Amino acid sequence: MSLAHARALSDAPTSGFFARVTEVERGPSAALEIAERVRLGGRMIDPGLYRVRVDEARERVVLENDDRTYALTAFFRRARGPASFAMNTWLEHGDAGRTYIVVRLARGLEWFA
């Protein structure tokens, strides 16, 4: 095959030369390790390492790993305690044995489900 017939790759992001990145992967996210099955937002969540992000347009906290994706209805509130500079997530135990997932954004807001 001569070079005249070789396929040229351009520098355009859609040329196949660059890895494709979805809109979801561009947003901020944090990692959360769940050690045992837990009920969050009315759903039973299996143990594992999850990538956590906030879908503000749909008001959801999304947990995803290679096997599963959970989208939990979320509410936002002012951050309790000092504001952080990076996204952070943790599990918080509330009244009557209920467990919440809290996602703190850099803007001083927390989303919880």
C-alpha atoms as a PDB file:
ATOM      1  CA  MET A   1       0.000   0.000   0.000  1.00  0.00           C
ATOM      2  CA  SER A   2       1.442   3.322  -0.952  1.00  0.00           C
ATOM      3  CA  LEU A   3       1.374   6.370   1.246  1.00  0.00           C
ATOM      4  CA  ALA A   4      -0.911   8.108  -1.216  1.00  0.00           C
ATOM      5  CA  HIS A   5      -3.720   5.741  -0.263  1.00  0.00           C
ATOM      6  CA  ALA A   6      -3.028   5.628   3.487  1.00  0.00           C
ATOM      7  CA  ARG A   7      -5.731   7.030   5.733  1.00  0.00           C
ATOM      8  CA  ALA A   8      -4.654  10.289   7.334  1.00  0.00           C
ATOM      9  CA  LEU A   9      -5.772  11.125  10.841  1.00  0.00           C
ATOM     10  CA  SER A  10      -6.566  14.738  11.452  1.00  0.00           C
ATOM     11  CA  ASP A  11      -6.306  16.610  14.735  1.00  0.00           C
ATOM     12  CA  ALA A  12     -10.098  16.901  14.987  1.00  0.00           C
ATOM     13  CA  PRO A  13     -11.539  15.274  18.148  1.00  0.00           C
ATOM     14  CA  THR A  14     -13.892  13.125  16.054  1.00  0.00           C
ATOM     15  CA  SER A  15     -11.186  11.714  13.793  1.00  0.00           C
ATOM     16  CA  GLY A  16     -10.626   8.541  15.828  1.00  0.00           C
ATOM     17  CA  PHE A  17      -7.130   9.649  16.788  1.00  0.00           C
ATOM     18  CA  PHE A  18      -8.320  10.905  20.184  1.00  0.00           C
ATOM     19  CA  ALA A  19     -10.161   8.876  22.776  1.00  0.00           C
ATOM     20  CA  ARG A  20     -13.839   9.744  22.883  1.00  0.00           C
ATOM     21  CA  VAL A  21     -14.967  11.242  26.157  1.00  0.00           C
ATOM     22  CA  THR A  22     -18.644  11.420  26.968  1.00  0.00           C
ATOM     23  CA  GLU A  23     -20.217  14.473  28.586  1.00  0.00           C
ATOM     24  CA  VAL A  24     -20.657  12.502  31.814  1.00  0.00           C
ATOM     25  CA  GLU A  25     -16.928  11.800  32.113  1.00  0.00           C
ATOM     26  CA  ARG A  26     -16.075  15.488  31.808  1.00  0.00           C
ATOM     27  CA  GLY A  27     -17.914  16.474  34.984  1.00  0.00           C
ATOM     28  CA  PRO A  28     -16.424  16.317  38.468  1.00  0.00           C
ATOM     29  CA  SER A  29     -16.718  13.069  40.354  1.00  0.00           C
ATOM     30  CA  ALA A  30     -15.473  11.400  43.514  1.00  0.00           C
ATOM     31  CA  ALA A  31     -14.879   7.806  44.569  1.00  0.00           C
ATOM     32  CA  LEU A  32     -16.785   6.077  47.360  1.00  0.00           C
ATOM     33  CA  GLU A  33     -16.121   2.605  48.761  1.00  0.00           C
ATOM     34  CA  ILE A  34     -19.230   0.865  50.140  1.00  0.00           C
ATOM     35  CA  ALA A  35     -18.250  -2.069  52.352  1.00  0.00           C
ATOM     36  CA  GLU A  36     -21.651  -3.764  52.737  1.00  0.00           C
ATOM     37  CA  ARG A  37     -25.162  -3.607  51.293  1.00  0.00           C
ATOM     38  CA  VAL A  38     -26.855  -0.399  52.331  1.00  0.00           C
ATOM     39  CA  ARG A  39     -30.194   1.266  51.617  1.00  0.00           C
ATOM     40  CA  LEU A  40     -29.747   4.713  50.064  1.00  0.00           C
ATOM     41  CA  GLY A  41     -32.610   6.759  48.675  1.00  0.00           C
ATOM     42  CA  GLY A  42     -34.959   3.788  48.953  1.00  0.00           C
ATOM     43  CA  ARG A  43     -32.677   1.491  46.912  1.00  0.00           C
ATOM     44  CA  MET A  44     -30.440  -1.344  48.068  1.00  0.00           C
ATOM     45  CA  ILE A  45     -26.884  -0.585  46.948  1.00  0.00           C
ATOM     46  CA  ASP A  46     -24.440  -3.475  46.509  1.00  0.00           C
ATOM     47  CA  PRO A  47     -20.959  -3.199  48.042  1.00  0.00           C
ATOM     48  CA  GLY A  48     -18.092  -1.991  45.879  1.00  0.00           C
ATOM     49  CA  LEU A  49     -16.139   1.007  44.676  1.00  0.00           C
ATOM     50  CA  TYR A  50     -18.362   3.613  43.014  1.00  0.00           C
ATOM     51  CA  ARG A  51     -17.753   6.758  41.005  1.00  0.00           C
ATOM     52  CA  VAL A  52     -20.134   9.389  42.398  1.00  0.00           C
ATOM     53  CA  ARG A  53     -21.303  12.453  40.492  1.00  0.00           C
ATOM     54  CA  VAL A  54     -24.174  14.917  40.696  1.00  0.00           C
ATOM     55  CA  ASP A  55     -26.600  15.346  37.801  1.00  0.00           C
ATOM     56  CA  GLU A  56     -27.896  18.802  38.694  1.00  0.00           C
ATOM     57  CA  ALA A  57     -30.242  18.995  35.701  1.00  0.00           C
ATOM     58  CA  ARG A  58     -32.184  15.950  36.900  1.00  0.00           C
ATOM     59  CA  GLU A  59     -31.493  16.505  40.626  1.00  0.00           C
ATOM     60  CA  ARG A  60     -29.872  13.109  41.056  1.00  0.00           C
ATOM     61  CA  VAL A  61     -26.814  11.657  42.743  1.00  0.00           C
ATOM     62  CA  VAL A  62     -25.431   9.003  40.404  1.00  0.00           C
ATOM     63  CA  LEU A  63     -23.344   6.062  41.648  1.00  0.00           C
ATOM     64  CA  GLU A  64     -21.726   3.966  38.942  1.00  0.00           C
ATOM     65  CA  ASN A  65     -19.162   1.223  38.588  1.00  0.00           C
ATOM     66  CA  ASP A  66     -18.442  -1.406  35.943  1.00  0.00           C
ATOM     67  CA  ASP A  67     -21.481  -3.500  36.868  1.00  0.00           C
ATOM     68  CA  ARG A  68     -24.217  -1.112  37.993  1.00  0.00           C
ATOM     69  CA  THR A  69     -25.505   2.442  37.829  1.00  0.00           C
ATOM     70  CA  TYR A  70     -27.794   3.917  40.466  1.00  0.00           C
ATOM     71  CA  ALA A  71     -29.509   7.308  40.056  1.00  0.00           C
ATOM     72  CA  LEU A  72     -30.889   8.489  43.396  1.00  0.00           C
ATOM     73  CA  THR A  73     -33.278  11.417  43.808  1.00  0.00           C
ATOM     74  CA  ALA A  74     -31.322  14.083  45.668  1.00  0.00           C
ATOM     75  CA  PHE A  75     -31.899  17.324  47.542  1.00  0.00           C
ATOM     76  CA  PHE A  76     -29.426  20.119  48.121  1.00  0.00           C
ATOM     77  CA  ARG A  77     -28.559  22.127  51.200  1.00  0.00           C
ATOM     78  CA  ARG A  78     -25.867  24.517  52.364  1.00  0.00           C
ATOM     79  CA  ALA A  79     -22.665  22.754  53.300  1.00  0.00           C
ATOM     80  CA  ARG A  80     -22.389  21.912  56.970  1.00  0.00           C
ATOM     81  CA  GLY A  81     -18.968  22.893  58.263  1.00  0.00           C
ATOM     82  CA  PRO A  82     -16.177  24.579  56.318  1.00  0.00           C
ATOM     83  CA  ALA A  83     -16.417  24.664  52.540  1.00  0.00           C
ATOM     84  CA  SER A  84     -13.987  22.410  50.732  1.00  0.00           C
ATOM     85  CA  PHE A  85     -12.099  23.122  47.530  1.00  0.00           C
ATOM     86  CA  ALA A  86     -12.743  19.748  45.924  1.00  0.00           C
ATOM     87  CA  MET A  87     -15.705  17.439  45.504  1.00  0.00           C
ATOM     88  CA  ASN A  88     -16.071  15.018  48.385  1.00  0.00           C
ATOM     89  CA  THR A  89     -18.565  12.276  49.220  1.00  0.00           C
ATOM     90  CA  TRP A  90     -19.389  10.168  52.271  1.00  0.00           C
ATOM     91  CA  LEU A  91     -22.135   8.154  53.952  1.00  0.00           C
ATOM     92  CA  GLU A  92     -23.975   9.838  56.830  1.00  0.00           C
ATOM     93  CA  HIS A  93     -26.134   8.013  59.370  1.00  0.00           C
ATOM     94  CA  GLY A  94     -29.352   9.782  60.327  1.00  0.00           C
ATOM     95  CA  ASP A  95     -32.356   9.228  62.528  1.00  0.00           C
ATOM     96  CA  ALA A  96     -34.007   5.829  62.895  1.00  0.00           C
ATOM     97  CA  GLY A  97     -31.016   4.015  61.381  1.00  0.00           C
ATOM     98  CA  ARG A  98     -31.405   5.667  57.981  1.00  0.00           C
ATOM     99  CA  THR A  99     -28.266   6.179  55.866  1.00  0.00           C
ATOM    100  CA  TYR A 100     -27.712   9.082  53.461  1.00  0.00           C
ATOM    101  CA  ILE A 101     -25.104   9.700  50.819  1.00  0.00           C
ATOM    102  CA  VAL A 102     -23.733  13.245  50.926  1.00  0.00           C
ATOM    103  CA  VAL A 103     -21.863  14.852  48.029  1.00  0.00           C
ATOM    104  CA  ARG A 104     -20.173  18.176  48.816  1.00  0.00           C
ATOM    105  CA  LEU A 105     -19.361  20.415  45.883  1.00  0.00           C
ATOM    106  CA  ALA A 106     -16.686  23.079  45.851  1.00  0.00           C
ATOM    107  CA  ARG A 107     -19.343  25.815  45.755  1.00  0.00           C
ATOM    108  CA  GLY A 108     -20.345  25.143  49.360  1.00  0.00           C
ATOM    109  CA  LEU A 109     -23.414  23.067  48.485  1.00  0.00           C
ATOM    110  CA  GLU A 110     -24.188  19.531  49.531  1.00  0.00           C
ATOM    111  CA  TRP A 111     -26.443  17.121  47.682  1.00  0.00           C
ATOM    112  CA  PHE A 112     -27.863  14.248  49.712  1.00  0.00           C
ATOM    113  CA  ALA A 113     -30.019  11.230  48.963  1.00  0.00           C
END
